[in-house]
Full PDB file with SEQRES, HELIX, SHEET, SSBOND, CRYST1, ORIGX, SCALE, CONECT and MASTER records, all heavy atoms in Angstrom:
SEQRES   1 A   37  ASP GLY ARG LYS ILE ASP ARG ARG GLY TYR TYR ASP HIS          
SEQRES   2 A   37  PRO THR TYR GLY ASN LEU SER TRP GLY HIS LEU VAL ARG          
SEQRES   3 A   37  GLY GLU LYS SER ILE GLY ASP THR MET THR LEU                  
HELIX    1 AA1 GLY A   22  ARG A   26  1                                   5    
SHEET    1 AA1 2 TYR A  10  HIS A  13  0                                        
SHEET    2 AA1 2 GLY A  17  SER A  20 -1                                        
CRYST1    1.000    1.000    1.000  90.00  90.00  90.00 P 1           1          
ORIGX1      1.000000  0.000000  0.000000        0.00000                         
ORIGX2      0.000000  1.000000  0.000000        0.00000                         
ORIGX3      0.000000  0.000000  1.000000        0.00000                         
SCALE1      1.000000  0.000000  0.000000        0.00000                         
SCALE2      0.000000  1.000000  0.000000        0.00000                         
SCALE3      0.000000  0.000000  1.000000        0.00000                         
ATOM      1  N   ASP A   1      -1.933  32.758  27.762  1.00  0.00           N  
ATOM      2  CA  ASP A   1      -1.513  31.454  27.229  1.00  0.00           C  
ATOM      3  C   ASP A   1      -0.214  30.985  27.865  1.00  0.00           C  
ATOM      4  O   ASP A   1       0.682  30.447  27.192  1.00  0.00           O  
ATOM      5  CB  ASP A   1      -1.358  31.534  25.711  1.00  0.00           C  
ATOM      6  CG  ASP A   1      -2.692  31.618  24.993  1.00  0.00           C  
ATOM      7  OD1 ASP A   1      -3.705  31.189  25.577  1.00  0.00           O  
ATOM      8  OD2 ASP A   1      -2.733  32.138  23.861  1.00  0.00           O  
ATOM      9  N   GLY A   2      -0.093  31.201  29.163  1.00  0.00           N  
ATOM     10  CA  GLY A   2       1.076  30.730  29.898  1.00  0.00           C  
ATOM     11  C   GLY A   2       2.280  31.652  29.846  1.00  0.00           C  
ATOM     12  O   GLY A   2       3.264  31.420  30.564  1.00  0.00           O  
ATOM     13  N   ARG A   3       2.231  32.717  29.042  1.00  0.00           N  
ATOM     14  CA  ARG A   3       3.357  33.663  28.964  1.00  0.00           C  
ATOM     15  C   ARG A   3       3.148  34.764  29.995  1.00  0.00           C  
ATOM     16  O   ARG A   3       2.204  35.547  29.914  1.00  0.00           O  
ATOM     17  CB  ARG A   3       3.457  34.252  27.563  1.00  0.00           C  
ATOM     18  CG  ARG A   3       3.746  33.203  26.498  1.00  0.00           C  
ATOM     19  CD  ARG A   3       3.904  33.857  25.144  1.00  0.00           C  
ATOM     20  NE  ARG A   3       4.100  32.869  24.100  1.00  0.00           N  
ATOM     21  CZ  ARG A   3       4.282  33.156  22.823  1.00  0.00           C  
ATOM     22  NH1 ARG A   3       4.280  34.427  22.429  1.00  0.00           N  
ATOM     23  NH2 ARG A   3       4.464  32.213  21.932  1.00  0.00           N  
ATOM     24  N   LYS A   4       4.062  34.848  30.934  1.00  0.00           N  
ATOM     25  CA  LYS A   4       3.911  35.776  32.034  1.00  0.00           C  
ATOM     26  C   LYS A   4       4.086  37.228  31.581  1.00  0.00           C  
ATOM     27  O   LYS A   4       4.956  37.543  30.779  1.00  0.00           O  
ATOM     28  CB  LYS A   4       4.920  35.443  33.139  1.00  0.00           C  
ATOM     29  CG  LYS A   4       4.587  34.161  33.896  1.00  0.00           C  
ATOM     30  CD  LYS A   4       5.407  34.040  35.166  1.00  0.00           C  
ATOM     31  CE  LYS A   4       4.938  32.858  36.000  1.00  0.00           C  
ATOM     32  NZ  LYS A   4       5.675  32.782  37.294  1.00  0.00           N  
ATOM     33  N   ILE A   5       3.254  38.103  32.151  1.00  0.00           N  
ATOM     34  CA  ILE A   5       3.297  39.530  31.866  1.00  0.00           C  
ATOM     35  C   ILE A   5       3.937  40.231  33.063  1.00  0.00           C  
ATOM     36  O   ILE A   5       3.510  40.003  34.205  1.00  0.00           O  
ATOM     37  CB  ILE A   5       1.888  40.105  31.630  1.00  0.00           C  
ATOM     38  CG1 ILE A   5       1.089  39.224  30.654  1.00  0.00           C  
ATOM     39  CG2 ILE A   5       1.980  41.539  31.137  1.00  0.00           C  
ATOM     40  CD1 ILE A   5       1.689  39.113  29.288  1.00  0.00           C  
ATOM     41  N   ASP A   6       4.950  41.064  32.821  1.00  0.00           N  
ATOM     42  CA  ASP A   6       5.593  41.730  33.947  1.00  0.00           C  
ATOM     43  C   ASP A   6       4.808  42.972  34.375  1.00  0.00           C  
ATOM     44  O   ASP A   6       3.750  43.291  33.821  1.00  0.00           O  
ATOM     45  CB  ASP A   6       7.062  42.060  33.638  1.00  0.00           C  
ATOM     46  CG  ASP A   6       7.235  43.152  32.578  1.00  0.00           C  
ATOM     47  OD1 ASP A   6       6.276  43.897  32.306  1.00  0.00           O  
ATOM     48  OD2 ASP A   6       8.350  43.266  32.026  1.00  0.00           O  
ATOM     49  N   ARG A   7       5.312  43.694  35.347  1.00  0.00           N  
ATOM     50  CA  ARG A   7       4.598  44.828  35.925  1.00  0.00           C  
ATOM     51  C   ARG A   7       4.420  45.982  34.944  1.00  0.00           C  
ATOM     52  O   ARG A   7       3.546  46.825  35.127  1.00  0.00           O  
ATOM     53  CB  ARG A   7       5.344  45.331  37.169  1.00  0.00           C  
ATOM     54  CG  ARG A   7       5.559  44.261  38.210  1.00  0.00           C  
ATOM     55  CD  ARG A   7       6.331  44.803  39.400  1.00  0.00           C  
ATOM     56  NE  ARG A   7       6.640  43.722  40.359  1.00  0.00           N  
ATOM     57  CZ  ARG A   7       7.004  43.913  41.604  1.00  0.00           C  
ATOM     58  NH1 ARG A   7       7.122  45.157  42.072  1.00  0.00           N  
ATOM     59  NH2 ARG A   7       7.270  42.899  42.401  1.00  0.00           N  
ATOM     60  N   ARG A   8       5.245  46.026  33.902  1.00  0.00           N  
ATOM     61  CA  ARG A   8       5.156  47.096  32.900  1.00  0.00           C  
ATOM     62  C   ARG A   8       4.299  46.705  31.704  1.00  0.00           C  
ATOM     63  O   ARG A   8       4.094  47.505  30.799  1.00  0.00           O  
ATOM     64  CB  ARG A   8       6.554  47.493  32.419  1.00  0.00           C  
ATOM     65  CG  ARG A   8       7.487  47.977  33.510  1.00  0.00           C  
ATOM     66  CD  ARG A   8       8.905  48.096  32.964  1.00  0.00           C  
ATOM     67  NE  ARG A   8       9.337  46.835  32.391  1.00  0.00           N  
ATOM     68  CZ  ARG A   8      10.067  46.728  31.279  1.00  0.00           C  
ATOM     69  NH1 ARG A   8      10.405  47.808  30.605  1.00  0.00           N  
ATOM     70  NH2 ARG A   8      10.427  45.546  30.829  1.00  0.00           N  
ATOM     71  N   GLY A   9       3.843  45.454  31.673  1.00  0.00           N  
ATOM     72  CA  GLY A   9       3.027  44.990  30.557  1.00  0.00           C  
ATOM     73  C   GLY A   9       3.830  44.345  29.454  1.00  0.00           C  
ATOM     74  O   GLY A   9       3.350  44.231  28.326  1.00  0.00           O  
ATOM     75  N   TYR A  10       5.040  43.889  29.762  1.00  0.00           N  
ATOM     76  CA  TYR A  10       5.886  43.245  28.755  1.00  0.00           C  
ATOM     77  C   TYR A  10       5.992  41.749  29.024  1.00  0.00           C  
ATOM     78  O   TYR A  10       5.802  41.282  30.150  1.00  0.00           O  
ATOM     79  CB  TYR A  10       7.286  43.861  28.755  1.00  0.00           C  
ATOM     80  CG  TYR A  10       7.347  45.225  28.097  1.00  0.00           C  
ATOM     81  CD1 TYR A  10       6.959  46.365  28.782  1.00  0.00           C  
ATOM     82  CD2 TYR A  10       7.792  45.360  26.789  1.00  0.00           C  
ATOM     83  CE1 TYR A  10       7.005  47.617  28.189  1.00  0.00           C  
ATOM     84  CE2 TYR A  10       7.844  46.608  26.177  1.00  0.00           C  
ATOM     85  CZ  TYR A  10       7.450  47.727  26.885  1.00  0.00           C  
ATOM     86  OH  TYR A  10       7.488  48.956  26.289  1.00  0.00           O  
ATOM     87  N   TYR A  11       6.326  41.013  27.955  1.00  0.00           N  
ATOM     88  CA  TYR A  11       6.587  39.580  28.083  1.00  0.00           C  
ATOM     89  C   TYR A  11       7.821  39.252  27.248  1.00  0.00           C  
ATOM     90  O   TYR A  11       8.292  40.057  26.434  1.00  0.00           O  
ATOM     91  CB  TYR A  11       5.387  38.753  27.607  1.00  0.00           C  
ATOM     92  CG  TYR A  11       5.223  38.681  26.103  1.00  0.00           C  
ATOM     93  CD1 TYR A  11       5.607  37.545  25.386  1.00  0.00           C  
ATOM     94  CD2 TYR A  11       4.702  39.757  25.382  1.00  0.00           C  
ATOM     95  CE1 TYR A  11       5.463  37.481  24.004  1.00  0.00           C  
ATOM     96  CE2 TYR A  11       4.552  39.699  24.012  1.00  0.00           C  
ATOM     97  CZ  TYR A  11       4.938  38.562  23.322  1.00  0.00           C  
ATOM     98  OH  TYR A  11       4.806  38.502  21.954  1.00  0.00           O  
ATOM     99  N   ASP A  12       8.349  38.069  27.427  1.00  0.00           N  
ATOM    100  CA  ASP A  12       9.581  37.656  26.742  1.00  0.00           C  
ATOM    101  C   ASP A  12       9.239  36.927  25.448  1.00  0.00           C  
ATOM    102  O   ASP A  12       8.776  35.795  25.476  1.00  0.00           O  
ATOM    103  CB  ASP A  12      10.417  36.766  27.658  1.00  0.00           C  
ATOM    104  CG  ASP A  12      11.770  36.421  27.050  1.00  0.00           C  
ATOM    105  OD1 ASP A  12      12.247  37.200  26.202  1.00  0.00           O  
ATOM    106  OD2 ASP A  12      12.347  35.378  27.430  1.00  0.00           O  
ATOM    107  N   HIS A  13       9.452  37.606  24.301  1.00  0.00           N  
ATOM    108  CA  HIS A  13       9.209  36.986  22.996  1.00  0.00           C  
ATOM    109  C   HIS A  13      10.440  36.167  22.613  1.00  0.00           C  
ATOM    110  O   HIS A  13      11.575  36.617  22.788  1.00  0.00           O  
ATOM    111  CB  HIS A  13       8.946  38.071  21.953  1.00  0.00           C  
ATOM    112  CG  HIS A  13       8.495  37.546  20.631  1.00  0.00           C  
ATOM    113  ND1 HIS A  13       9.364  37.031  19.685  1.00  0.00           N  
ATOM    114  CD2 HIS A  13       7.241  37.439  20.086  1.00  0.00           C  
ATOM    115  CE1 HIS A  13       8.686  36.658  18.629  1.00  0.00           C  
ATOM    116  NE2 HIS A  13       7.399  36.884  18.844  1.00  0.00           N  
ATOM    117  N   PRO A  14      10.264  34.958  22.079  1.00  0.00           N  
ATOM    118  CA  PRO A  14      11.412  34.090  21.781  1.00  0.00           C  
ATOM    119  C   PRO A  14      12.375  34.669  20.740  1.00  0.00           C  
ATOM    120  O   PRO A  14      13.557  34.336  20.742  1.00  0.00           O  
ATOM    121  CB  PRO A  14      10.758  32.795  21.272  1.00  0.00           C  
ATOM    122  CG  PRO A  14       9.369  33.188  20.867  1.00  0.00           C  
ATOM    123  CD  PRO A  14       8.986  34.298  21.778  1.00  0.00           C  
ATOM    124  N   THR A  15      11.898  35.541  19.856  1.00  0.00           N  
ATOM    125  CA  THR A  15      12.751  36.125  18.827  1.00  0.00           C  
ATOM    126  C   THR A  15      13.113  37.575  19.117  1.00  0.00           C  
ATOM    127  O   THR A  15      14.270  37.992  18.973  1.00  0.00           O  
ATOM    128  CB  THR A  15      12.077  36.042  17.443  1.00  0.00           C  
ATOM    129  OG1 THR A  15      11.783  34.678  17.153  1.00  0.00           O  
ATOM    130  CG2 THR A  15      12.989  36.614  16.359  1.00  0.00           C  
ATOM    131  N   TYR A  16      12.138  38.359  19.530  1.00  0.00           N  
ATOM    132  CA  TYR A  16      12.325  39.802  19.661  1.00  0.00           C  
ATOM    133  C   TYR A  16      12.652  40.271  21.074  1.00  0.00           C  
ATOM    134  O   TYR A  16      12.889  41.462  21.282  1.00  0.00           O  
ATOM    135  CB  TYR A  16      11.062  40.519  19.179  1.00  0.00           C  
ATOM    136  CG  TYR A  16      10.727  40.247  17.727  1.00  0.00           C  
ATOM    137  CD1 TYR A  16       9.443  39.848  17.356  1.00  0.00           C  
ATOM    138  CD2 TYR A  16      11.689  40.390  16.736  1.00  0.00           C  
ATOM    139  CE1 TYR A  16       9.136  39.611  16.017  1.00  0.00           C  
ATOM    140  CE2 TYR A  16      11.386  40.145  15.408  1.00  0.00           C  
ATOM    141  CZ  TYR A  16      10.102  39.760  15.057  1.00  0.00           C  
ATOM    142  OH  TYR A  16       9.795  39.520  13.737  1.00  0.00           O  
ATOM    143  N   GLY A  17      12.654  39.383  22.061  1.00  0.00           N  
ATOM    144  CA  GLY A  17      12.929  39.810  23.425  1.00  0.00           C  
ATOM    145  C   GLY A  17      11.702  40.434  24.068  1.00  0.00           C  
ATOM    146  O   GLY A  17      10.579  39.980  23.846  1.00  0.00           O  
ATOM    147  N   ASN A  18      11.884  41.468  24.864  1.00  0.00           N  
ATOM    148  CA  ASN A  18      10.769  42.095  25.581  1.00  0.00           C  
ATOM    149  C   ASN A  18       9.845  42.839  24.616  1.00  0.00           C  
ATOM    150  O   ASN A  18      10.278  43.752  23.907  1.00  0.00           O  
ATOM    151  CB  ASN A  18      11.294  43.082  26.628  1.00  0.00           C  
ATOM    152  CG  ASN A  18      11.757  42.369  27.889  1.00  0.00           C  
ATOM    153  OD1 ASN A  18      11.464  41.194  28.095  1.00  0.00           O  
ATOM    154  ND2 ASN A  18      12.483  43.073  28.736  1.00  0.00           N  
ATOM    155  N   LEU A  19       8.583  42.449  24.610  1.00  0.00           N  
ATOM    156  CA  LEU A  19       7.565  43.105  23.790  1.00  0.00           C  
ATOM    157  C   LEU A  19       6.344  43.401  24.642  1.00  0.00           C  
ATOM    158  O   LEU A  19       6.075  42.715  25.629  1.00  0.00           O  
ATOM    159  CB  LEU A  19       7.135  42.216  22.616  1.00  0.00           C  
ATOM    160  CG  LEU A  19       8.058  42.079  21.417  1.00  0.00           C  
ATOM    161  CD1 LEU A  19       7.376  41.208  20.371  1.00  0.00           C  
ATOM    162  CD2 LEU A  19       8.434  43.417  20.831  1.00  0.00           C  
ATOM    163  N   SER A  20       5.578  44.411  24.222  1.00  0.00           N  
ATOM    164  CA  SER A  20       4.315  44.709  24.895  1.00  0.00           C  
ATOM    165  C   SER A  20       3.363  43.530  24.754  1.00  0.00           C  
ATOM    166  O   SER A  20       3.286  42.890  23.704  1.00  0.00           O  
ATOM    167  CB  SER A  20       3.688  45.963  24.292  1.00  0.00           C  
ATOM    168  OG  SER A  20       2.372  46.141  24.770  1.00  0.00           O  
ATOM    169  N   TRP A  21       2.608  43.294  25.818  1.00  0.00           N  
ATOM    170  CA  TRP A  21       1.702  42.145  25.850  1.00  0.00           C  
ATOM    171  C   TRP A  21       0.659  42.196  24.735  1.00  0.00           C  
ATOM    172  O   TRP A  21       0.111  41.163  24.331  1.00  0.00           O  
ATOM    173  CB  TRP A  21       0.991  42.084  27.201  1.00  0.00           C  
ATOM    174  CG  TRP A  21      -0.139  43.072  27.311  1.00  0.00           C  
ATOM    175  CD1 TRP A  21      -0.045  44.416  27.496  1.00  0.00           C  
ATOM    176  CD2 TRP A  21      -1.527  42.777  27.196  1.00  0.00           C  
ATOM    177  NE1 TRP A  21      -1.285  44.990  27.515  1.00  0.00           N  
ATOM    178  CE2 TRP A  21      -2.218  44.007  27.342  1.00  0.00           C  
ATOM    179  CE3 TRP A  21      -2.265  41.614  26.998  1.00  0.00           C  
ATOM    180  CZ2 TRP A  21      -3.599  44.098  27.284  1.00  0.00           C  
ATOM    181  CZ3 TRP A  21      -3.647  41.710  26.945  1.00  0.00           C  
ATOM    182  CH2 TRP A  21      -4.296  42.928  27.087  1.00  0.00           C  
ATOM    183  N   GLY A  22       0.381  43.383  24.197  1.00  0.00           N  
ATOM    184  CA  GLY A  22      -0.617  43.508  23.143  1.00  0.00           C  
ATOM    185  C   GLY A  22      -0.311  42.688  21.911  1.00  0.00           C  
ATOM    186  O   GLY A  22      -1.224  42.297  21.170  1.00  0.00           O  
ATOM    187  N   HIS A  23       0.984  42.390  21.680  1.00  0.00           N  
ATOM    188  CA  HIS A  23       1.345  41.578  20.510  1.00  0.00           C  
ATOM    189  C   HIS A  23       0.824  40.158  20.634  1.00  0.00           C  
ATOM    190  O   HIS A  23       0.554  39.499  19.619  1.00  0.00           O  
ATOM    191  CB  HIS A  23       2.866  41.563  20.336  1.00  0.00           C  
ATOM    192  CG  HIS A  23       3.311  40.856  19.097  1.00  0.00           C  
ATOM    193  ND1 HIS A  23       3.034  41.312  17.830  1.00  0.00           N  
ATOM    194  CD2 HIS A  23       4.016  39.691  18.924  1.00  0.00           C  
ATOM    195  CE1 HIS A  23       3.547  40.486  16.935  1.00  0.00           C  
ATOM    196  NE2 HIS A  23       4.138  39.492  17.567  1.00  0.00           N  
ATOM    197  N   LEU A  24       0.656  39.686  21.858  1.00  0.00           N  
ATOM    198  CA  LEU A  24       0.102  38.344  22.057  1.00  0.00           C  
ATOM    199  C   LEU A  24      -1.330  38.258  21.532  1.00  0.00           C  
ATOM    200  O   LEU A  24      -1.781  37.195  21.101  1.00  0.00           O  
ATOM    201  CB  LEU A  24       0.123  37.981  23.549  1.00  0.00           C  
ATOM    202  CG  LEU A  24       1.496  37.705  24.167  1.00  0.00           C  
ATOM    203  CD1 LEU A  24       1.372  37.624  25.680  1.00  0.00           C  
ATOM    204  CD2 LEU A  24       2.082  36.424  23.596  1.00  0.00           C  
ATOM    205  N   VAL A  25      -2.031  39.385  21.574  1.00  0.00           N  
ATOM    206  CA  VAL A  25      -3.425  39.424  21.117  1.00  0.00           C  
ATOM    207  C   VAL A  25      -3.495  39.793  19.642  1.00  0.00           C  
ATOM    208  O   VAL A  25      -4.015  39.048  18.815  1.00  0.00           O  
ATOM    209  CB  VAL A  25      -4.238  40.441  21.950  1.00  0.00           C  
ATOM    210  CG1 VAL A  25      -5.686  40.490  21.461  1.00  0.00           C  
ATOM    211  CG2 VAL A  25      -4.190  40.087  23.429  1.00  0.00           C  
ATOM    212  N   ARG A  26      -2.942  40.958  19.304  1.00  0.00           N  
ATOM    213  CA  ARG A  26      -3.128  41.514  17.966  1.00  0.00           C  
ATOM    214  C   ARG A  26      -2.116  40.987  16.955  1.00  0.00           C  
ATOM    215  O   ARG A  26      -2.396  40.989  15.754  1.00  0.00           O  
ATOM    216  CB  ARG A  26      -3.058  43.037  18.025  1.00  0.00           C  
ATOM    217  CG  ARG A  26      -3.926  43.648  19.112  1.00  0.00           C  
ATOM    218  CD  ARG A  26      -4.411  45.009  18.745  1.00  0.00           C  
ATOM    219  NE  ARG A  26      -5.465  44.955  17.754  1.00  0.00           N  
ATOM    220  CZ  ARG A  26      -6.041  46.025  17.222  1.00  0.00           C  
ATOM    221  NH1 ARG A  26      -5.641  47.237  17.605  1.00  0.00           N  
ATOM    222  NH2 ARG A  26      -6.995  45.918  16.331  1.00  0.00           N  
ATOM    223  N   GLY A  27      -0.956  40.562  17.415  1.00  0.00           N  
ATOM    224  CA  GLY A  27       0.088  40.134  16.495  1.00  0.00           C  
ATOM    225  C   GLY A  27       0.211  38.643  16.298  1.00  0.00           C  
ATOM    226  O   GLY A  27       0.798  38.197  15.313  1.00  0.00           O  
ATOM    227  N   GLU A  28      -0.327  37.859  17.230  1.00  0.00           N  
ATOM    228  CA  GLU A  28      -0.140  36.408  17.148  1.00  0.00           C  
ATOM    229  C   GLU A  28      -1.449  35.637  17.044  1.00  0.00           C  
ATOM    230  O   GLU A  28      -1.440  34.435  16.796  1.00  0.00           O  
ATOM    231  CB  GLU A  28       0.652  35.917  18.369  1.00  0.00           C  
ATOM    232  CG  GLU A  28       2.080  36.458  18.413  1.00  0.00           C  
ATOM    233  CD  GLU A  28       2.921  35.782  19.484  1.00  0.00           C  
ATOM    234  OE1 GLU A  28       2.391  34.881  20.178  1.00  0.00           O  
ATOM    235  OE2 GLU A  28       4.103  36.132  19.620  1.00  0.00           O  
ATOM    236  N   LYS A  29      -2.572  36.311  17.249  1.00  0.00           N  
ATOM    237  CA  LYS A  29      -3.856  35.631  17.199  1.00  0.00           C  
ATOM    238  C   LYS A  29      -4.709  36.157  16.055  1.00  0.00           C  
ATOM    239  O   LYS A  29      -4.466  37.236  15.509  1.00  0.00           O  
ATOM    240  CB  LYS A  29      -4.608  35.845  18.521  1.00  0.00           C  
ATOM    241  CG  LYS A  29      -3.955  35.190  19.732  1.00  0.00           C  
ATOM    242  CD  LYS A  29      -4.102  33.678  19.703  1.00  0.00           C  
ATOM    243  CE  LYS A  29      -3.584  33.066  20.992  1.00  0.00           C  
ATOM    244  NZ  LYS A  29      -3.765  31.583  21.012  1.00  0.00           N  
ATOM    245  N   SER A  30      -5.725  35.387  15.702  1.00  0.00           N  
ATOM    246  CA  SER A  30      -6.669  35.781  14.660  1.00  0.00           C  
ATOM    247  C   SER A  30      -8.071  35.885  15.261  1.00  0.00           C  
ATOM    248  O   SER A  30      -8.335  35.375  16.364  1.00  0.00           O  
ATOM    249  CB  SER A  30      -6.679  34.751  13.522  1.00  0.00           C  
ATOM    250  OG  SER A  30      -5.406  34.652  12.916  1.00  0.00           O  
ATOM    251  N   ILE A  31      -8.943  36.540  14.539  1.00  0.00           N  
ATOM    252  CA  ILE A  31     -10.331  36.655  14.979  1.00  0.00           C  
ATOM    253  C   ILE A  31     -10.934  35.254  15.092  1.00  0.00           C  
ATOM    254  O   ILE A  31     -10.805  34.426  14.188  1.00  0.00           O  
ATOM    255  CB  ILE A  31     -11.141  37.512  13.993  1.00  0.00           C  
ATOM    256  CG1 ILE A  31     -10.649  38.965  14.051  1.00  0.00           C  
ATOM    257  CG2 ILE A  31     -12.630  37.446  14.294  1.00  0.00           C  
ATOM    258  CD1 ILE A  31     -11.253  39.861  13.010  1.00  0.00           C  
ATOM    259  N   GLY A  32     -11.558  34.977  16.232  1.00  0.00           N  
ATOM    260  CA  GLY A  32     -12.138  33.659  16.465  1.00  0.00           C  
ATOM    261  C   GLY A  32     -11.249  32.740  17.270  1.00  0.00           C  
ATOM    262  O   GLY A  32     -11.721  31.711  17.780  1.00  0.00           O  
ATOM    263  N   ASP A  33      -9.957  33.097  17.406  1.00  0.00           N  
ATOM    264  CA  ASP A  33      -9.055  32.281  18.230  1.00  0.00           C  
ATOM    265  C   ASP A  33      -9.407  32.432  19.702  1.00  0.00           C  
ATOM    266  O   ASP A  33      -9.926  33.464  20.143  1.00  0.00           O  
ATOM    267  CB  ASP A  33      -7.595  32.712  18.013  1.00  0.00           C  
ATOM    268  CG  ASP A  33      -7.053  32.253  16.670  1.00  0.00           C  
ATOM    269  OD1 ASP A  33      -7.752  31.485  15.976  1.00  0.00           O  
ATOM    270  OD2 ASP A  33      -5.935  32.677  16.309  1.00  0.00           O  
ATOM    271  N   THR A  34      -9.066  31.415  20.466  1.00  0.00           N  
ATOM    272  CA  THR A  34      -9.291  31.441  21.906  1.00  0.00           C  
ATOM    273  C   THR A  34      -7.964  31.559  22.642  1.00  0.00           C  
ATOM    274  O   THR A  34      -6.982  30.916  22.265  1.00  0.00           O  
ATOM    275  CB  THR A  34     -10.020  30.166  22.366  1.00  0.00           C  
ATOM    276  OG1 THR A  34     -11.294  30.089  21.718  1.00  0.00           O  
ATOM    277  CG2 THR A  34     -10.244  30.178  23.875  1.00  0.00           C  
ATOM    278  N   MET A  35      -7.935  32.392  23.672  1.00  0.00           N  
ATOM    279  CA  MET A  35      -6.730  32.497  24.495  1.00  0.00           C  
ATOM    280  C   MET A  35      -7.105  32.326  25.966  1.00  0.00           C  
ATOM    281  O   MET A  35      -8.232  32.631  26.379  1.00  0.00           O  
ATOM    282  CB  MET A  35      -6.010  33.829  24.274  1.00  0.00           C  
ATOM    283  CG  MET A  35      -6.804  35.060  24.612  1.00  0.00           C  
ATOM    284  SD  MET A  35      -5.800  36.591  24.580  1.00  0.00           S  
ATOM    285  CE  MET A  35      -4.502  36.226  23.450  1.00  0.00           C  
ATOM    286  N   THR A  36      -6.142  31.816  26.722  1.00  0.00           N  
ATOM    287  CA  THR A  36      -6.348  31.606  28.152  1.00  0.00           C  
ATOM    288  C   THR A  36      -5.677  32.718  28.929  1.00  0.00           C  
ATOM    289  O   THR A  36      -4.478  32.957  28.795  1.00  0.00           O  
ATOM    290  CB  THR A  36      -5.777  30.250  28.591  1.00  0.00           C  
ATOM    291  OG1 THR A  36      -6.409  29.204  27.852  1.00  0.00           O  
ATOM    292  CG2 THR A  36      -6.025  30.025  30.074  1.00  0.00           C  
ATOM    293  N   LEU A  37      -6.465  33.411  29.747  1.00  0.00           N  
ATOM    294  CA  LEU A  37      -5.961  34.505  30.558  1.00  0.00           C  
ATOM    295  C   LEU A  37      -5.866  34.062  32.008  1.00  0.00           C  
ATOM    296  O   LEU A  37      -6.862  33.634  32.603  1.00  0.00           O  
ATOM    297  CB  LEU A  37      -6.884  35.715  30.453  1.00  0.00           C  
ATOM    298  CG  LEU A  37      -7.108  36.271  29.038  1.00  0.00           C  
ATOM    299  CD1 LEU A  37      -8.252  37.278  29.032  1.00  0.00           C  
ATOM    300  CD2 LEU A  37      -5.835  36.930  28.531  1.00  0.00           C  
TER     301      LEU A  37                                                      
MASTER        0    0    0    1    2    0    0    6  300    1    0    3          
END                                                                             
């Protein structure tokens, strides 16, 4: 969804700083949501 993933699998969260990319899927989305990869 436009948030770049670095070589270690992290992205820049606006509140928490560097987080694992998995939070973009499991922590911010719901079942049935669509994301752009």
